[in-house]
mmCIF file of all heavy atoms, coordinates in Angstrom:
data_MODEL
# 
_entry.id   MODEL 
# 
loop_
_atom_site.group_PDB 
_atom_site.id 
_atom_site.type_symbol 
_atom_site.label_atom_id 
_atom_site.label_alt_id 
_atom_site.label_comp_id 
_atom_site.label_asym_id 
_atom_site.label_entity_id 
_atom_site.label_seq_id 
_atom_site.pdbx_PDB_ins_code 
_atom_site.Cartn_x 
_atom_site.Cartn_y 
_atom_site.Cartn_z 
_atom_site.occupancy 
_atom_site.B_iso_or_equiv 
_atom_site.pdbx_formal_charge 
_atom_site.auth_seq_id 
_atom_site.auth_comp_id 
_atom_site.auth_asym_id 
_atom_site.auth_atom_id 
_atom_site.pdbx_PDB_model_num 
ATOM 1   N N   . GLN A 1 1  ? 0.798  -1.180  0.016   1.00 0.00 ? 1  GLN A N   1 
ATOM 2   C CA  . GLN A 1 1  ? 0.011  0.028   0.016   1.00 0.00 ? 1  GLN A CA  1 
ATOM 3   C C   . GLN A 1 1  ? 0.818  1.256   0.025   1.00 0.00 ? 1  GLN A C   1 
ATOM 4   O O   . GLN A 1 1  ? 0.607  2.209   -0.753  1.00 0.00 ? 1  GLN A O   1 
ATOM 5   C CB  . GLN A 1 1  ? -0.943 0.014   1.234   1.00 0.00 ? 1  GLN A CB  1 
ATOM 6   C CG  . GLN A 1 1  ? -2.036 -1.032  1.042   1.00 0.00 ? 1  GLN A CG  1 
ATOM 7   C CD  . GLN A 1 1  ? -2.930 -1.114  2.389   1.00 0.00 ? 1  GLN A CD  1 
ATOM 8   O OE1 . GLN A 1 1  ? -2.417 -0.771  3.454   1.00 0.00 ? 1  GLN A OE1 1 
ATOM 9   N NE2 . GLN A 1 1  ? -4.091 -1.652  2.193   1.00 0.00 ? 1  GLN A NE2 1 
ATOM 10  N N   . ARG A 1 2  ? 1.856  1.253   0.788   1.00 0.00 ? 2  ARG A N   1 
ATOM 11  C CA  . ARG A 1 2  ? 2.801  2.420   0.847   1.00 0.00 ? 2  ARG A CA  1 
ATOM 12  C C   . ARG A 1 2  ? 3.592  2.560   -0.447  1.00 0.00 ? 2  ARG A C   1 
ATOM 13  O O   . ARG A 1 2  ? 3.788  3.678   -0.897  1.00 0.00 ? 2  ARG A O   1 
ATOM 14  C CB  . ARG A 1 2  ? 3.711  2.262   2.085   1.00 0.00 ? 2  ARG A CB  1 
ATOM 15  C CG  . ARG A 1 2  ? 3.003  2.621   3.337   1.00 0.00 ? 2  ARG A CG  1 
ATOM 16  C CD  . ARG A 1 2  ? 3.860  2.273   4.563   1.00 0.00 ? 2  ARG A CD  1 
ATOM 17  N NE  . ARG A 1 2  ? 3.308  2.708   5.808   1.00 0.00 ? 2  ARG A NE  1 
ATOM 18  C CZ  . ARG A 1 2  ? 2.274  2.015   6.471   1.00 0.00 ? 2  ARG A CZ  1 
ATOM 19  N NH1 . ARG A 1 2  ? 1.801  0.872   5.873   1.00 0.00 ? 2  ARG A NH1 1 
ATOM 20  N NH2 . ARG A 1 2  ? 1.745  2.397   7.549   1.00 0.00 ? 2  ARG A NH2 1 
ATOM 21  N N   . ALA A 1 3  ? 4.030  1.395   -1.026  1.00 0.00 ? 3  ALA A N   1 
ATOM 22  C CA  . ALA A 1 3  ? 4.793  1.484   -2.225  1.00 0.00 ? 3  ALA A CA  1 
ATOM 23  C C   . ALA A 1 3  ? 4.000  1.930   -3.412  1.00 0.00 ? 3  ALA A C   1 
ATOM 24  O O   . ALA A 1 3  ? 4.492  2.735   -4.278  1.00 0.00 ? 3  ALA A O   1 
ATOM 25  C CB  . ALA A 1 3  ? 5.397  0.079   -2.522  1.00 0.00 ? 3  ALA A CB  1 
ATOM 26  N N   . THR A 1 4  ? 2.742  1.497   -3.465  1.00 0.00 ? 4  THR A N   1 
ATOM 27  C CA  . THR A 1 4  ? 1.935  1.878   -4.641  1.00 0.00 ? 4  THR A CA  1 
ATOM 28  C C   . THR A 1 4  ? 1.489  3.326   -4.588  1.00 0.00 ? 4  THR A C   1 
ATOM 29  O O   . THR A 1 4  ? 1.185  3.966   -5.577  1.00 0.00 ? 4  THR A O   1 
ATOM 30  C CB  . THR A 1 4  ? 0.663  1.001   -4.767  1.00 0.00 ? 4  THR A CB  1 
ATOM 31  O OG1 . THR A 1 4  ? -0.078 1.030   -3.646  1.00 0.00 ? 4  THR A OG1 1 
ATOM 32  C CG2 . THR A 1 4  ? 0.998  -0.390  -5.158  1.00 0.00 ? 4  THR A CG2 1 
ATOM 33  N N   . ALA A 1 5  ? 1.606  3.911   -3.387  1.00 0.00 ? 5  ALA A N   1 
ATOM 34  C CA  . ALA A 1 5  ? 1.322  5.351   -3.219  1.00 0.00 ? 5  ALA A CA  1 
ATOM 35  C C   . ALA A 1 5  ? 2.408  6.287   -3.690  1.00 0.00 ? 5  ALA A C   1 
ATOM 36  O O   . ALA A 1 5  ? 2.270  7.484   -3.815  1.00 0.00 ? 5  ALA A O   1 
ATOM 37  C CB  . ALA A 1 5  ? 0.955  5.714   -1.829  1.00 0.00 ? 5  ALA A CB  1 
ATOM 38  N N   . LEU A 1 6  ? 3.529  5.675   -3.986  1.00 0.00 ? 6  LEU A N   1 
ATOM 39  C CA  . LEU A 1 6  ? 4.727  6.428   -4.411  1.00 0.00 ? 6  LEU A CA  1 
ATOM 40  C C   . LEU A 1 6  ? 5.257  6.017   -5.779  1.00 0.00 ? 6  LEU A C   1 
ATOM 41  O O   . LEU A 1 6  ? 5.073  4.811   -6.131  1.00 0.00 ? 6  LEU A O   1 
ATOM 42  C CB  . LEU A 1 6  ? 5.881  6.143   -3.449  1.00 0.00 ? 6  LEU A CB  1 
ATOM 43  C CG  . LEU A 1 6  ? 5.734  6.534   -1.965  1.00 0.00 ? 6  LEU A CG  1 
ATOM 44  C CD1 . LEU A 1 6  ? 6.954  5.980   -1.176  1.00 0.00 ? 6  LEU A CD1 1 
ATOM 45  C CD2 . LEU A 1 6  ? 5.739  8.093   -1.854  1.00 0.00 ? 6  LEU A CD2 1 
ATOM 46  N N   . PRO A 1 7  ? 5.830  6.868   -6.548  1.00 0.00 ? 7  PRO A N   1 
ATOM 47  C CA  . PRO A 1 7  ? 6.461  6.468   -7.777  1.00 0.00 ? 7  PRO A CA  1 
ATOM 48  C C   . PRO A 1 7  ? 7.611  5.518   -7.431  1.00 0.00 ? 7  PRO A C   1 
ATOM 49  O O   . PRO A 1 7  ? 8.289  5.745   -6.462  1.00 0.00 ? 7  PRO A O   1 
ATOM 50  C CB  . PRO A 1 7  ? 6.957  7.728   -8.422  1.00 0.00 ? 7  PRO A CB  1 
ATOM 51  C CG  . PRO A 1 7  ? 6.322  8.840   -7.663  1.00 0.00 ? 7  PRO A CG  1 
ATOM 52  C CD  . PRO A 1 7  ? 5.894  8.302   -6.377  1.00 0.00 ? 7  PRO A CD  1 
ATOM 53  N N   . SER A 1 8  ? 7.799  4.431   -8.186  1.00 0.00 ? 8  SER A N   1 
ATOM 54  C CA  . SER A 1 8  ? 8.838  3.462   -7.858  1.00 0.00 ? 8  SER A CA  1 
ATOM 55  C C   . SER A 1 8  ? 10.227 4.133   -7.951  1.00 0.00 ? 8  SER A C   1 
ATOM 56  O O   . SER A 1 8  ? 11.100 3.571   -7.286  1.00 0.00 ? 8  SER A O   1 
ATOM 57  C CB  . SER A 1 8  ? 8.755  2.266   -8.832  1.00 0.00 ? 8  SER A CB  1 
ATOM 58  O OG  . SER A 1 8  ? 8.972  2.663   -10.177 1.00 0.00 ? 8  SER A OG  1 
ATOM 59  N N   . THR A 1 9  ? 10.394 5.202   -8.685  1.00 0.00 ? 9  THR A N   1 
ATOM 60  C CA  . THR A 1 9  ? 11.673 5.872   -8.712  1.00 0.00 ? 9  THR A CA  1 
ATOM 61  C C   . THR A 1 9  ? 12.061 6.512   -7.374  1.00 0.00 ? 9  THR A C   1 
ATOM 62  O O   . THR A 1 9  ? 13.213 6.870   -7.162  1.00 0.00 ? 9  THR A O   1 
ATOM 63  C CB  . THR A 1 9  ? 11.721 6.897   -9.824  1.00 0.00 ? 9  THR A CB  1 
ATOM 64  O OG1 . THR A 1 9  ? 10.590 7.806   -9.644  1.00 0.00 ? 9  THR A OG1 1 
ATOM 65  C CG2 . THR A 1 9  ? 11.585 6.265   -11.204 1.00 0.00 ? 9  THR A CG2 1 
ATOM 66  N N   . THR A 1 10 ? 11.030 6.654   -6.449  1.00 0.00 ? 10 THR A N   1 
ATOM 67  C CA  . THR A 1 10 ? 11.360 7.255   -5.168  1.00 0.00 ? 10 THR A CA  1 
ATOM 68  C C   . THR A 1 10 ? 11.359 6.265   -4.049  1.00 0.00 ? 10 THR A C   1 
ATOM 69  O O   . THR A 1 10 ? 11.484 6.631   -2.886  1.00 0.00 ? 10 THR A O   1 
ATOM 70  C CB  . THR A 1 10 ? 10.338 8.378   -4.800  1.00 0.00 ? 10 THR A CB  1 
ATOM 71  O OG1 . THR A 1 10 ? 8.988  7.720   -4.672  1.00 0.00 ? 10 THR A OG1 1 
ATOM 72  C CG2 . THR A 1 10 ? 10.260 9.421   -5.918  1.00 0.00 ? 10 THR A CG2 1 
ATOM 73  N N   . TRP A 1 11 ? 11.179 5.015   -4.340  1.00 0.00 ? 11 TRP A N   1 
ATOM 74  C CA  . TRP A 1 11 ? 11.273 3.937   -3.304  1.00 0.00 ? 11 TRP A CA  1 
ATOM 75  C C   . TRP A 1 11 ? 12.606 4.037   -2.550  1.00 0.00 ? 11 TRP A C   1 
ATOM 76  O O   . TRP A 1 11 ? 13.611 4.304   -3.224  1.00 0.00 ? 11 TRP A O   1 
ATOM 77  C CB  . TRP A 1 11 ? 11.036 2.595   -3.850  1.00 0.00 ? 11 TRP A CB  1 
ATOM 78  C CG  . TRP A 1 11 ? 9.678  2.271   -4.307  1.00 0.00 ? 11 TRP A CG  1 
ATOM 79  C CD1 . TRP A 1 11 ? 8.570  3.017   -4.125  1.00 0.00 ? 11 TRP A CD1 1 
ATOM 80  C CD2 . TRP A 1 11 ? 9.320  1.124   -5.106  1.00 0.00 ? 11 TRP A CD2 1 
ATOM 81  N NE1 . TRP A 1 11 ? 7.470  2.396   -4.706  1.00 0.00 ? 11 TRP A NE1 1 
ATOM 82  C CE2 . TRP A 1 11 ? 7.937  1.211   -5.278  1.00 0.00 ? 11 TRP A CE2 1 
ATOM 83  C CE3 . TRP A 1 11 ? 9.962  0.015   -5.575  1.00 0.00 ? 11 TRP A CE3 1 
ATOM 84  C CZ2 . TRP A 1 11 ? 7.193  0.236   -5.997  1.00 0.00 ? 11 TRP A CZ2 1 
ATOM 85  C CZ3 . TRP A 1 11 ? 9.258  -0.944  -6.237  1.00 0.00 ? 11 TRP A CZ3 1 
ATOM 86  C CH2 . TRP A 1 11 ? 7.866  -0.803  -6.476  1.00 0.00 ? 11 TRP A CH2 1 
ATOM 87  N N   . PRO A 1 12 ? 12.716 3.762   -1.292  1.00 0.00 ? 12 PRO A N   1 
ATOM 88  C CA  . PRO A 1 12 ? 13.906 3.830   -0.555  1.00 0.00 ? 12 PRO A CA  1 
ATOM 89  C C   . PRO A 1 12 ? 14.870 2.716   -0.856  1.00 0.00 ? 12 PRO A C   1 
ATOM 90  O O   . PRO A 1 12 ? 16.009 2.730   -0.406  1.00 0.00 ? 12 PRO A O   1 
ATOM 91  C CB  . PRO A 1 12 ? 13.478 3.783   0.943   1.00 0.00 ? 12 PRO A CB  1 
ATOM 92  C CG  . PRO A 1 12 ? 12.143 3.041   0.959   1.00 0.00 ? 12 PRO A CG  1 
ATOM 93  C CD  . PRO A 1 12 ? 11.520 3.418   -0.400  1.00 0.00 ? 12 PRO A CD  1 
ATOM 94  N N   . ARG A 1 13 ? 14.394 1.756   -1.598  1.00 0.00 ? 13 ARG A N   1 
ATOM 95  C CA  . ARG A 1 13 ? 15.251 0.533   -1.971  1.00 0.00 ? 13 ARG A CA  1 
ATOM 96  C C   . ARG A 1 13 ? 15.137 0.301   -3.448  1.00 0.00 ? 13 ARG A C   1 
ATOM 97  O O   . ARG A 1 13 ? 14.155 0.658   -4.091  1.00 0.00 ? 13 ARG A O   1 
ATOM 98  C CB  . ARG A 1 13 ? 14.873 -0.684  -1.189  1.00 0.00 ? 13 ARG A CB  1 
ATOM 99  C CG  . ARG A 1 13 ? 14.962 -0.498  0.291   1.00 0.00 ? 13 ARG A CG  1 
ATOM 100 C CD  . ARG A 1 13 ? 15.028 -1.796  0.978   1.00 0.00 ? 13 ARG A CD  1 
ATOM 101 N NE  . ARG A 1 13 ? 14.925 -1.591  2.404   1.00 0.00 ? 13 ARG A NE  1 
ATOM 102 C CZ  . ARG A 1 13 ? 14.751 -2.614  3.253   1.00 0.00 ? 13 ARG A CZ  1 
ATOM 103 N NH1 . ARG A 1 13 ? 14.553 -3.849  2.801   1.00 0.00 ? 13 ARG A NH1 1 
ATOM 104 N NH2 . ARG A 1 13 ? 14.645 -2.394  4.489   1.00 0.00 ? 13 ARG A NH2 1 
ATOM 105 N N   . SER A 1 14 ? 16.146 -0.435  -3.876  1.00 0.00 ? 14 SER A N   1 
ATOM 106 C CA  . SER A 1 14 ? 16.110 -0.741  -5.395  1.00 0.00 ? 14 SER A CA  1 
ATOM 107 C C   . SER A 1 14 ? 15.003 -1.874  -5.628  1.00 0.00 ? 14 SER A C   1 
ATOM 108 O O   . SER A 1 14 ? 14.631 -2.594  -4.694  1.00 0.00 ? 14 SER A O   1 
ATOM 109 C CB  . SER A 1 14 ? 17.457 -1.200  -5.796  1.00 0.00 ? 14 SER A CB  1 
ATOM 110 O OG  . SER A 1 14 ? 17.939 -2.354  -5.112  1.00 0.00 ? 14 SER A OG  1 
ATOM 111 N N   . ARG A 1 15 ? 14.706 -2.026  -6.826  1.00 0.00 ? 15 ARG A N   1 
ATOM 112 C CA  . ARG A 1 15 ? 13.721 -3.085  -7.154  1.00 0.00 ? 15 ARG A CA  1 
ATOM 113 C C   . ARG A 1 15 ? 14.385 -4.436  -7.053  1.00 0.00 ? 15 ARG A C   1 
ATOM 114 O O   . ARG A 1 15 ? 15.615 -4.541  -7.166  1.00 0.00 ? 15 ARG A O   1 
ATOM 115 C CB  . ARG A 1 15 ? 13.328 -2.908  -8.684  1.00 0.00 ? 15 ARG A CB  1 
ATOM 116 C CG  . ARG A 1 15 ? 12.433 -1.722  -8.911  1.00 0.00 ? 15 ARG A CG  1 
ATOM 117 C CD  . ARG A 1 15 ? 12.051 -1.657  -10.321 1.00 0.00 ? 15 ARG A CD  1 
ATOM 118 N NE  . ARG A 1 15 ? 11.289 -0.382  -10.603 1.00 0.00 ? 15 ARG A NE  1 
ATOM 119 C CZ  . ARG A 1 15 ? 10.504 -0.192  -11.629 1.00 0.00 ? 15 ARG A CZ  1 
ATOM 120 N NH1 . ARG A 1 15 ? 10.388 -1.139  -12.469 1.00 0.00 ? 15 ARG A NH1 1 
ATOM 121 N NH2 . ARG A 1 15 ? 9.879  0.883   -11.750 1.00 0.00 ? 15 ARG A NH2 1 
ATOM 122 N N   . CYS A 1 16 ? 13.554 -5.452  -6.874  1.00 0.00 ? 16 CYS A N   1 
ATOM 123 C CA  . CYS A 1 16 ? 13.996 -6.805  -6.774  1.00 0.00 ? 16 CYS A CA  1 
ATOM 124 C C   . CYS A 1 16 ? 14.756 -7.199  -8.042  1.00 0.00 ? 16 CYS A C   1 
ATOM 125 O O   . CYS A 1 16 ? 14.191 -6.890  -9.166  1.00 0.00 ? 16 CYS A O   1 
ATOM 126 C CB  . CYS A 1 16 ? 12.850 -7.727  -6.456  1.00 0.00 ? 16 CYS A CB  1 
ATOM 127 S SG  . CYS A 1 16 ? 13.231 -9.481  -6.543  1.00 0.00 ? 16 CYS A SG  1 
ATOM 128 N N   . SER A 1 17 ? 15.862 -7.891  -7.919  1.00 0.00 ? 17 SER A N   1 
ATOM 129 C CA  . SER A 1 17 ? 16.591 -8.292  -9.130  1.00 0.00 ? 17 SER A CA  1 
ATOM 130 C C   . SER A 1 17 ? 15.966 -9.432  -9.840  1.00 0.00 ? 17 SER A C   1 
ATOM 131 O O   . SER A 1 17 ? 16.270 -9.732  -11.031 1.00 0.00 ? 17 SER A O   1 
ATOM 132 C CB  . SER A 1 17 ? 18.043 -8.516  -8.787  1.00 0.00 ? 17 SER A CB  1 
ATOM 133 O OG  . SER A 1 17 ? 18.172 -9.585  -7.858  1.00 0.00 ? 17 SER A OG  1 
ATOM 134 N N   . ARG A 1 18 ? 15.066 -10.178 -9.167  1.00 0.00 ? 18 ARG A N   1 
ATOM 135 C CA  . ARG A 1 18 ? 14.527 -11.350 -9.779  1.00 0.00 ? 18 ARG A CA  1 
ATOM 136 C C   . ARG A 1 18 ? 13.220 -11.001 -10.542 1.00 0.00 ? 18 ARG A C   1 
ATOM 137 O O   . ARG A 1 18 ? 13.051 -11.445 -11.665 1.00 0.00 ? 18 ARG A O   1 
ATOM 138 C CB  . ARG A 1 18 ? 14.236 -12.439 -8.709  1.00 0.00 ? 18 ARG A CB  1 
ATOM 139 C CG  . ARG A 1 18 ? 13.731 -13.696 -9.352  1.00 0.00 ? 18 ARG A CG  1 
ATOM 140 C CD  . ARG A 1 18 ? 13.901 -14.800 -8.434  1.00 0.00 ? 18 ARG A CD  1 
ATOM 141 N NE  . ARG A 1 18 ? 13.519 -16.125 -9.005  1.00 0.00 ? 18 ARG A NE  1 
ATOM 142 C CZ  . ARG A 1 18 ? 13.458 -17.209 -8.379  1.00 0.00 ? 18 ARG A CZ  1 
ATOM 143 N NH1 . ARG A 1 18 ? 13.795 -17.274 -7.122  1.00 0.00 ? 18 ARG A NH1 1 
ATOM 144 N NH2 . ARG A 1 18 ? 13.035 -18.297 -9.043  1.00 0.00 ? 18 ARG A NH2 1 
ATOM 145 N N   . CYS A 1 19 ? 12.340 -10.309 -9.932  1.00 0.00 ? 19 CYS A N   1 
ATOM 146 C CA  . CYS A 1 19 ? 11.009 -9.972  -10.580 1.00 0.00 ? 19 CYS A CA  1 
ATOM 147 C C   . CYS A 1 19 ? 11.024 -8.548  -11.167 1.00 0.00 ? 19 CYS A C   1 
ATOM 148 O O   . CYS A 1 19 ? 10.058 -8.197  -11.810 1.00 0.00 ? 19 CYS A O   1 
ATOM 149 C CB  . CYS A 1 19 ? 9.912  -10.139 -9.607  1.00 0.00 ? 19 CYS A CB  1 
ATOM 150 S SG  . CYS A 1 19 ? 9.819  -8.934  -8.280  1.00 0.00 ? 19 CYS A SG  1 
ATOM 151 N N   . HIS A 1 20 ? 12.107 -7.810  -10.968 1.00 0.00 ? 20 HIS A N   1 
ATOM 152 C CA  . HIS A 1 20 ? 12.266 -6.434  -11.429 1.00 0.00 ? 20 HIS A CA  1 
ATOM 153 C C   . HIS A 1 20 ? 11.140 -5.503  -10.961 1.00 0.00 ? 20 HIS A C   1 
ATOM 154 O O   . HIS A 1 20 ? 10.644 -4.652  -11.702 1.00 0.00 ? 20 HIS A O   1 
ATOM 155 C CB  . HIS A 1 20 ? 12.390 -6.411  -12.966 1.00 0.00 ? 20 HIS A CB  1 
ATOM 156 C CG  . HIS A 1 20 ? 13.482 -7.293  -13.426 1.00 0.00 ? 20 HIS A CG  1 
ATOM 157 N ND1 . HIS A 1 20 ? 14.815 -6.952  -13.281 1.00 0.00 ? 20 HIS A ND1 1 
ATOM 158 C CD2 . HIS A 1 20 ? 13.402 -8.490  -14.020 1.00 0.00 ? 20 HIS A CD2 1 
ATOM 159 C CE1 . HIS A 1 20 ? 15.498 -7.972  -13.820 1.00 0.00 ? 20 HIS A CE1 1 
ATOM 160 N NE2 . HIS A 1 20 ? 14.699 -8.916  -14.278 1.00 0.00 ? 20 HIS A NE2 1 
ATOM 161 N N   . GLY A 1 21 ? 10.611 -5.720  -9.695  1.00 0.00 ? 21 GLY A N   1 
ATOM 162 C CA  . GLY A 1 21 ? 9.632  -4.868  -9.173  1.00 0.00 ? 21 GLY A CA  1 
ATOM 163 C C   . GLY A 1 21 ? 8.206  -5.324  -9.467  1.00 0.00 ? 21 GLY A C   1 
ATOM 164 O O   . GLY A 1 21 ? 7.296  -4.575  -8.971  1.00 0.00 ? 21 GLY A O   1 
ATOM 165 N N   . LYS A 1 22 ? 8.056  -6.312  -10.212 1.00 0.00 ? 22 LYS A N   1 
ATOM 166 C CA  . LYS A 1 22 ? 6.701  -6.754  -10.557 1.00 0.00 ? 22 LYS A CA  1 
ATOM 167 C C   . LYS A 1 22 ? 5.984  -7.604  -9.507  1.00 0.00 ? 22 LYS A C   1 
ATOM 168 O O   . LYS A 1 22 ? 4.825  -7.930  -9.646  1.00 0.00 ? 22 LYS A O   1 
ATOM 169 C CB  . LYS A 1 22 ? 6.780  -7.552  -11.922 1.00 0.00 ? 22 LYS A CB  1 
ATOM 170 C CG  . LYS A 1 22 ? 7.169  -6.601  -13.094 1.00 0.00 ? 22 LYS A CG  1 
ATOM 171 C CD  . LYS A 1 22 ? 7.209  -7.343  -14.373 1.00 0.00 ? 22 LYS A CD  1 
ATOM 172 C CE  . LYS A 1 22 ? 7.736  -6.403  -15.393 1.00 0.00 ? 22 LYS A CE  1 
ATOM 173 N NZ  . LYS A 1 22 ? 8.237  -7.125  -16.528 1.00 0.00 ? 22 LYS A NZ  1 
ATOM 174 N N   . GLN A 1 23 ? 6.674  -8.063  -8.497  1.00 0.00 ? 23 GLN A N   1 
ATOM 175 C CA  . GLN A 1 23 ? 6.139  -8.797  -7.338  1.00 0.00 ? 23 GLN A CA  1 
ATOM 176 C C   . GLN A 1 23 ? 5.815  -10.224 -7.619  1.00 0.00 ? 23 GLN A C   1 
ATOM 177 O O   . GLN A 1 23 ? 5.711  -11.034 -6.719  1.00 0.00 ? 23 GLN A O   1 
ATOM 178 C CB  . GLN A 1 23 ? 4.944  -8.106  -6.754  1.00 0.00 ? 23 GLN A CB  1 
ATOM 179 C CG  . GLN A 1 23 ? 5.246  -6.703  -6.360  1.00 0.00 ? 23 GLN A CG  1 
ATOM 180 C CD  . GLN A 1 23 ? 3.944  -5.901  -6.197  1.00 0.00 ? 23 GLN A CD  1 
ATOM 181 O OE1 . GLN A 1 23 ? 2.912  -6.308  -6.590  1.00 0.00 ? 23 GLN A OE1 1 
ATOM 182 N NE2 . GLN A 1 23 ? 4.125  -4.665  -5.672  1.00 0.00 ? 23 GLN A NE2 1 
ATOM 183 N N   . THR A 1 24 ? 5.703  -10.666 -8.838  1.00 0.00 ? 24 THR A N   1 
ATOM 184 C CA  . THR A 1 24 ? 5.469  -12.037 -9.209  1.00 0.00 ? 24 THR A CA  1 
ATOM 185 C C   . THR A 1 24 ? 6.455  -12.481 -10.292 1.00 0.00 ? 24 THR A C   1 
ATOM 186 O O   . THR A 1 24 ? 7.006  -11.642 -11.014 1.00 0.00 ? 24 THR A O   1 
ATOM 187 C CB  . THR A 1 24 ? 4.041  -12.308 -9.737  1.00 0.00 ? 24 THR A CB  1 
ATOM 188 O OG1 . THR A 1 24 ? 3.839  -11.487 -10.887 1.00 0.00 ? 24 THR A OG1 1 
ATOM 189 C CG2 . THR A 1 24 ? 3.024  -11.968 -8.701  1.00 0.00 ? 24 THR A CG2 1 
# 
């Protein structure tokens, strides 16, 4: 919920290297 409220470019951490931020 907190992550979707923010643009992914402003997340405090990098995207997952396996799913590239897609969660699945």
